[in-house]
Amino acid sequence: MLFEDCDISQILSAIQFSADKHRDQRRKDREASPYINHPINVADILWRIGEVRDINVIVAAILHDTLEDTDTSENEIEELFGKDVLSLVQEVTDDKSLPKEVRKQLQIEHAPHKSHGAKQIKLADKTSNVRDIANSPPSDWTLQRRAEYLNWAANVVDGLRCANKELETWFDKILADAHEKLKSDAVDSAS
């Protein structure tokens, strides 16, 4: 499948927009890596692993945390990227006015009811996060907190099944690797 120049322009515009919006943010990993690495990784997982070729899904993946974690408005996304992209970003955005535990429970409950595109973005997002928790967790996270995150992510993904077999298989592999890493880290910390 070949993409039109306008598709490539939209992807590059989304990367630039997301990079600008997340410019002062860092991930919570040990290295405090630039936040923009995460949405780019989510889009890359969709493209390479999930073989997703829907331009709106790829662009929404790049923008998926802008409403939740920056001062981005819904109007900005709609004006620059269209209603379809905005709708996908809205679907994967948590309501930060709610307590964290409520938001986490709502992700589990709402997962089965998301659109096909939003399910794919969430699958790639959870895969990226699980890999990061396994390989470079926040320095203040205990082994128990990491295990709880892995279990919660698996519960969210259970509601996203049947959206993209390749993404689901990749998530299952990354999750299994993360559990093995956690076991290894537990042995290392006990010795």
C-alpha atoms as a PDB file:
ATOM      1  CA  MET A   1       0.000   0.000   0.000  1.00  0.00           C
ATOM      2  CA  LEU A   2       1.382   3.376  -0.974  1.00  0.00           C
ATOM      3  CA  PHE A   3       0.669   6.505   0.996  1.00  0.00           C
ATOM      4  CA  GLU A   4      -0.122   9.835  -0.528  1.00  0.00           C
ATOM      5  CA  ASP A   5       2.030  12.871   0.197  1.00  0.00           C
ATOM      6  CA  CYS A   6      -0.797  14.248   2.354  1.00  0.00           C
ATOM      7  CA  ASP A   7      -0.668  11.110   4.566  1.00  0.00           C
ATOM      8  CA  ILE A   8       3.064  11.491   5.171  1.00  0.00           C
ATOM      9  CA  SER A   9       2.541  15.203   5.833  1.00  0.00           C
ATOM     10  CA  GLN A  10      -0.146  14.405   8.396  1.00  0.00           C
ATOM     11  CA  ILE A  11       2.096  11.904  10.204  1.00  0.00           C
ATOM     12  CA  LEU A  12       4.994  14.353  10.291  1.00  0.00           C
ATOM     13  CA  SER A  13       2.683  17.141  11.471  1.00  0.00           C
ATOM     14  CA  ALA A  14       1.402  14.893  14.253  1.00  0.00           C
ATOM     15  CA  ILE A  15       4.954  14.057  15.355  1.00  0.00           C
ATOM     16  CA  GLN A  16       5.871  17.747  15.384  1.00  0.00           C
ATOM     17  CA  PHE A  17       2.675  18.688  17.252  1.00  0.00           C
ATOM     18  CA  SER A  18       3.091  15.924  19.834  1.00  0.00           C
ATOM     19  CA  ALA A  19       6.797  16.701  20.305  1.00  0.00           C
ATOM     20  CA  ASP A  20       5.971  20.350  20.930  1.00  0.00           C
ATOM     21  CA  LYS A  21       3.158  19.550  23.374  1.00  0.00           C
ATOM     22  CA  HIS A  22       5.286  17.017  25.303  1.00  0.00           C
ATOM     23  CA  ARG A  23       8.527  19.056  25.029  1.00  0.00           C
ATOM     24  CA  ASP A  24       8.991  19.582  28.768  1.00  0.00           C
ATOM     25  CA  GLN A  25       7.805  16.127  29.820  1.00  0.00           C
ATOM     26  CA  ARG A  26       9.883  13.101  30.695  1.00  0.00           C
ATOM     27  CA  ARG A  27       8.853   9.480  31.153  1.00  0.00           C
ATOM     28  CA  LYS A  28       8.960   8.060  34.673  1.00  0.00           C
ATOM     29  CA  ASP A  29      11.566   5.452  33.700  1.00  0.00           C
ATOM     30  CA  ARG A  30      15.000   5.330  35.336  1.00  0.00           C
ATOM     31  CA  GLU A  31      16.530   7.322  32.493  1.00  0.00           C
ATOM     32  CA  ALA A  32      13.753   9.944  32.495  1.00  0.00           C
ATOM     33  CA  SER A  33      13.624   9.559  28.717  1.00  0.00           C
ATOM     34  CA  PRO A  34      11.901  12.215  26.592  1.00  0.00           C
ATOM     35  CA  TYR A  35       8.152  11.670  26.667  1.00  0.00           C
ATOM     36  CA  ILE A  36       7.797  11.902  22.890  1.00  0.00           C
ATOM     37  CA  ASN A  37       9.575   8.544  22.603  1.00  0.00           C
ATOM     38  CA  HIS A  38       6.442   6.848  23.958  1.00  0.00           C
ATOM     39  CA  PRO A  39       3.832   8.020  21.401  1.00  0.00           C
ATOM     40  CA  ILE A  40       6.297   7.418  18.589  1.00  0.00           C
ATOM     41  CA  ASN A  41       6.861   3.896  19.934  1.00  0.00           C
ATOM     42  CA  VAL A  42       3.102   3.272  20.105  1.00  0.00           C
ATOM     43  CA  ALA A  43       2.712   4.324  16.453  1.00  0.00           C
ATOM     44  CA  ASP A  44       5.710   2.167  15.496  1.00  0.00           C
ATOM     45  CA  ILE A  45       4.202  -0.899  17.202  1.00  0.00           C
ATOM     46  CA  LEU A  46       0.953  -0.324  15.324  1.00  0.00           C
ATOM     47  CA  TRP A  47       2.774   0.034  12.006  1.00  0.00           C
ATOM     48  CA  ARG A  48       5.438  -2.689  12.277  1.00  0.00           C
ATOM     49  CA  ILE A  49       3.824  -5.317  14.523  1.00  0.00           C
ATOM     50  CA  GLY A  50       0.112  -4.755  13.946  1.00  0.00           C
ATOM     51  CA  GLU A  51       0.491  -3.827  10.279  1.00  0.00           C
ATOM     52  CA  VAL A  52      -2.048  -1.050  10.841  1.00  0.00           C
ATOM     53  CA  ARG A  53      -2.326   1.101   7.715  1.00  0.00           C
ATOM     54  CA  ASP A  54      -5.203   3.352   8.752  1.00  0.00           C
ATOM     55  CA  ILE A  55      -3.696   6.845   8.706  1.00  0.00           C
ATOM     56  CA  ASN A  56      -6.161   8.106  11.346  1.00  0.00           C
ATOM     57  CA  VAL A  57      -5.141   5.367  13.782  1.00  0.00           C
ATOM     58  CA  ILE A  58      -1.425   6.065  13.283  1.00  0.00           C
ATOM     59  CA  VAL A  59      -1.894   9.829  13.724  1.00  0.00           C
ATOM     60  CA  ALA A  60      -4.130   9.320  16.774  1.00  0.00           C
ATOM     61  CA  ALA A  61      -1.489   7.042  18.296  1.00  0.00           C
ATOM     62  CA  ILE A  62       1.091   9.809  17.957  1.00  0.00           C
ATOM     63  CA  LEU A  63      -1.342  12.212  19.636  1.00  0.00           C
ATOM     64  CA  HIS A  64      -2.862   9.751  22.112  1.00  0.00           C
ATOM     65  CA  ASP A  65      -1.598  11.408  25.324  1.00  0.00           C
ATOM     66  CA  THR A  66      -1.897  15.050  24.272  1.00  0.00           C
ATOM     67  CA  LEU A  67      -5.407  15.648  25.676  1.00  0.00           C
ATOM     68  CA  GLU A  68      -4.654  13.756  28.868  1.00  0.00           C
ATOM     69  CA  ASP A  69      -1.181  15.044  29.665  1.00  0.00           C
ATOM     70  CA  THR A  70      -0.782  18.460  28.019  1.00  0.00           C
ATOM     71  CA  ASP A  71      -2.684  21.699  27.507  1.00  0.00           C
ATOM     72  CA  THR A  72      -3.946  20.514  24.105  1.00  0.00           C
ATOM     73  CA  SER A  73      -7.588  21.279  23.391  1.00  0.00           C
ATOM     74  CA  GLU A  74     -10.016  19.105  21.481  1.00  0.00           C
ATOM     75  CA  ASN A  75     -10.489  21.990  19.047  1.00  0.00           C
ATOM     76  CA  GLU A  76      -6.766  22.022  18.228  1.00  0.00           C
ATOM     77  CA  ILE A  77      -6.770  18.337  17.337  1.00  0.00           C
ATOM     78  CA  GLU A  78      -9.958  18.607  15.308  1.00  0.00           C
ATOM     79  CA  GLU A  79      -8.761  21.667  13.380  1.00  0.00           C
ATOM     80  CA  LEU A  80      -5.346  20.200  12.601  1.00  0.00           C
ATOM     81  CA  PHE A  81      -6.122  16.495  12.195  1.00  0.00           C
ATOM     82  CA  GLY A  82      -9.884  16.102  11.757  1.00  0.00           C
ATOM     83  CA  LYS A  83     -12.870  14.673  13.614  1.00  0.00           C
ATOM     84  CA  ASP A  84     -11.904  11.026  13.111  1.00  0.00           C
ATOM     85  CA  VAL A  85      -8.497  11.503  14.735  1.00  0.00           C
ATOM     86  CA  LEU A  86     -10.037  13.546  17.551  1.00  0.00           C
ATOM     87  CA  SER A  87     -12.600  10.814  18.191  1.00  0.00           C
ATOM     88  CA  LEU A  88      -9.866   8.173  18.509  1.00  0.00           C
ATOM     89  CA  VAL A  89      -7.783  10.361  20.830  1.00  0.00           C
ATOM     90  CA  GLN A  90     -10.845  11.037  22.993  1.00  0.00           C
ATOM     91  CA  GLU A  91     -11.554   7.304  23.233  1.00  0.00           C
ATOM     92  CA  VAL A  92      -8.111   6.543  24.647  1.00  0.00           C
ATOM     93  CA  THR A  93      -7.987   9.542  26.994  1.00  0.00           C
ATOM     94  CA  ASP A  94      -8.556   9.117  30.724  1.00  0.00           C
ATOM     95  CA  ASP A  95     -10.541  11.669  32.703  1.00  0.00           C
ATOM     96  CA  LYS A  96      -7.810  13.093  34.954  1.00  0.00           C
ATOM     97  CA  SER A  97     -10.437  14.646  37.255  1.00  0.00           C
ATOM     98  CA  LEU A  98     -11.175  11.137  38.560  1.00  0.00           C
ATOM     99  CA  PRO A  99      -9.024   9.358  41.158  1.00  0.00           C
ATOM    100  CA  LYS A 100      -6.317   7.106  39.726  1.00  0.00           C
ATOM    101  CA  GLU A 101      -7.917   3.855  40.909  1.00  0.00           C
ATOM    102  CA  VAL A 102     -11.245   4.830  39.334  1.00  0.00           C
ATOM    103  CA  ARG A 103      -9.511   5.666  36.031  1.00  0.00           C
ATOM    104  CA  LYS A 104      -7.738   2.305  36.069  1.00  0.00           C
ATOM    105  CA  GLN A 105     -10.991   0.425  36.720  1.00  0.00           C
ATOM    106  CA  LEU A 106     -12.753   2.367  33.971  1.00  0.00           C
ATOM    107  CA  GLN A 107     -10.038   1.361  31.497  1.00  0.00           C
ATOM    108  CA  ILE A 108     -10.844  -2.288  32.227  1.00  0.00           C
ATOM    109  CA  GLU A 109     -14.605  -1.731  32.000  1.00  0.00           C
ATOM    110  CA  HIS A 110     -14.531   0.408  28.845  1.00  0.00           C
ATOM    111  CA  ALA A 111     -11.975  -1.638  26.869  1.00  0.00           C
ATOM    112  CA  PRO A 112     -14.486  -4.030  25.226  1.00  0.00           C
ATOM    113  CA  HIS A 113     -16.644  -1.120  24.058  1.00  0.00           C
ATOM    114  CA  LYS A 114     -13.998   0.896  22.225  1.00  0.00           C
ATOM    115  CA  SER A 115     -13.891   1.262  18.462  1.00  0.00           C
ATOM    116  CA  HIS A 116     -11.623  -1.035  16.477  1.00  0.00           C
ATOM    117  CA  GLY A 117      -9.028   1.716  15.983  1.00  0.00           C
ATOM    118  CA  ALA A 118      -9.035   2.759  19.643  1.00  0.00           C
ATOM    119  CA  LYS A 119      -8.584  -0.872  20.720  1.00  0.00           C
ATOM    120  CA  GLN A 120      -5.512  -1.132  18.516  1.00  0.00           C
ATOM    121  CA  ILE A 121      -4.033   2.076  19.959  1.00  0.00           C
ATOM    122  CA  LYS A 122      -4.678   0.837  23.516  1.00  0.00           C
ATOM    123  CA  LEU A 123      -3.061  -2.524  22.690  1.00  0.00           C
ATOM    124  CA  ALA A 124       0.071  -0.817  21.397  1.00  0.00           C
ATOM    125  CA  ASP A 125       0.073   1.624  24.323  1.00  0.00           C
ATOM    126  CA  LYS A 126      -0.171  -1.133  26.919  1.00  0.00           C
ATOM    127  CA  THR A 127       2.541  -3.114  25.114  1.00  0.00           C
ATOM    128  CA  SER A 128       4.885  -0.129  25.164  1.00  0.00           C
ATOM    129  CA  ASN A 129       4.192   0.546  28.837  1.00  0.00           C
ATOM    130  CA  VAL A 130       4.629  -3.097  29.900  1.00  0.00           C
ATOM    131  CA  ARG A 131       7.975  -3.273  28.089  1.00  0.00           C
ATOM    132  CA  ASP A 132       9.092  -0.073  29.829  1.00  0.00           C
ATOM    133  CA  ILE A 133       7.956  -1.304  33.268  1.00  0.00           C
ATOM    134  CA  ALA A 134       9.961  -4.492  32.726  1.00  0.00           C
ATOM    135  CA  ASN A 135      13.130  -2.939  31.340  1.00  0.00           C
ATOM    136  CA  SER A 136      13.314   0.496  32.948  1.00  0.00           C
ATOM    137  CA  PRO A 137      10.722   0.935  35.682  1.00  0.00           C
ATOM    138  CA  PRO A 138      10.462   4.103  37.726  1.00  0.00           C
ATOM    139  CA  SER A 139      13.166   3.897  40.379  1.00  0.00           C
ATOM    140  CA  ASP A 140      10.645   4.183  43.216  1.00  0.00           C
ATOM    141  CA  TRP A 141       8.482   1.283  42.002  1.00  0.00           C
ATOM    142  CA  THR A 142       8.697  -1.858  44.116  1.00  0.00           C
ATOM    143  CA  LEU A 143       8.549  -5.334  42.604  1.00  0.00           C
ATOM    144  CA  GLN A 144       4.994  -5.601  43.924  1.00  0.00           C
ATOM    145  CA  ARG A 145       3.914  -2.384  42.214  1.00  0.00           C
ATOM    146  CA  ARG A 146       5.449  -3.570  38.952  1.00  0.00           C
ATOM    147  CA  ALA A 147       3.610  -6.921  39.264  1.00  0.00           C
ATOM    148  CA  GLU A 148       0.345  -5.105  39.984  1.00  0.00           C
ATOM    149  CA  TYR A 149       0.829  -2.956  36.872  1.00  0.00           C
ATOM    150  CA  LEU A 150       1.452  -6.023  34.706  1.00  0.00           C
ATOM    151  CA  ASN A 151      -1.696  -7.705  36.024  1.00  0.00           C
ATOM    152  CA  TRP A 152      -3.788  -4.567  35.510  1.00  0.00           C
ATOM    153  CA  ALA A 153      -2.470  -4.109  31.940  1.00  0.00           C
ATOM    154  CA  ALA A 154      -3.361  -7.743  31.179  1.00  0.00           C
ATOM    155  CA  ASN A 155      -6.899  -7.115  32.457  1.00  0.00           C
ATOM    156  CA  VAL A 156      -7.258  -4.081  30.198  1.00  0.00           C
ATOM    157  CA  VAL A 157      -5.960  -6.023  27.203  1.00  0.00           C
ATOM    158  CA  ASP A 158      -8.398  -8.872  27.879  1.00  0.00           C
ATOM    159  CA  GLY A 159     -11.142  -6.425  26.911  1.00  0.00           C
ATOM    160  CA  LEU A 160      -9.314  -5.421  23.727  1.00  0.00           C
ATOM    161  CA  ARG A 161      -9.023  -8.928  22.276  1.00  0.00           C
ATOM    162  CA  CYS A 162     -10.142  -9.627  18.696  1.00  0.00           C
ATOM    163  CA  ALA A 163      -8.960  -6.199  17.494  1.00  0.00           C
ATOM    164  CA  ASN A 164      -5.622  -7.239  15.974  1.00  0.00           C
ATOM    165  CA  LYS A 165      -4.158 -10.744  16.334  1.00  0.00           C
ATOM    166  CA  GLU A 166      -0.566  -9.612  15.694  1.00  0.00           C
ATOM    167  CA  LEU A 167      -0.765  -6.892  18.371  1.00  0.00           C
ATOM    168  CA  GLU A 168      -2.337  -9.304  20.834  1.00  0.00           C
ATOM    169  CA  THR A 169       0.345 -11.947  20.240  1.00  0.00           C
ATOM    170  CA  TRP A 170       3.064  -9.307  20.609  1.00  0.00           C
ATOM    171  CA  PHE A 171       1.512  -8.024  23.866  1.00  0.00           C
ATOM    172  CA  ASP A 172       1.380 -11.589  25.223  1.00  0.00           C
ATOM    173  CA  LYS A 173       5.078 -12.062  24.409  1.00  0.00           C
ATOM    174  CA  ILE A 174       6.093  -8.736  25.971  1.00  0.00           C
ATOM    175  CA  LEU A 175       3.964  -9.511  29.049  1.00  0.00           C
ATOM    176  CA  ALA A 176       5.556 -12.970  29.444  1.00  0.00           C
ATOM    177  CA  ASP A 177       9.021 -11.406  29.081  1.00  0.00           C
ATOM    178  CA  ALA A 178       8.077  -8.788  31.693  1.00  0.00           C
ATOM    179  CA  HIS A 179       6.981 -11.471  34.165  1.00  0.00           C
ATOM    180  CA  GLU A 180      10.285 -13.312  33.613  1.00  0.00           C
ATOM    181  CA  LYS A 181      12.226 -10.076  34.151  1.00  0.00           C
ATOM    182  CA  LEU A 182      10.285  -9.446  37.341  1.00  0.00           C
ATOM    183  CA  LYS A 183      11.133 -12.942  38.608  1.00  0.00           C
ATOM    184  CA  SER A 184      14.784 -12.372  37.773  1.00  0.00           C
ATOM    185  CA  ASP A 185      14.786  -9.004  39.523  1.00  0.00           C
ATOM    186  CA  ALA A 186      13.145 -10.591  42.590  1.00  0.00           C
ATOM    187  CA  VAL A 187      15.913 -13.227  42.742  1.00  0.00           C
ATOM    188  CA  ASP A 188      18.584 -10.538  42.330  1.00  0.00           C
ATOM    189  CA  SER A 189      17.109  -8.369  45.087  1.00  0.00           C
ATOM    190  CA  ALA A 190      16.872 -11.385  47.452  1.00  0.00           C
ATOM    191  CA  SER A 191      20.547 -12.237  47.075  1.00  0.00           C
END
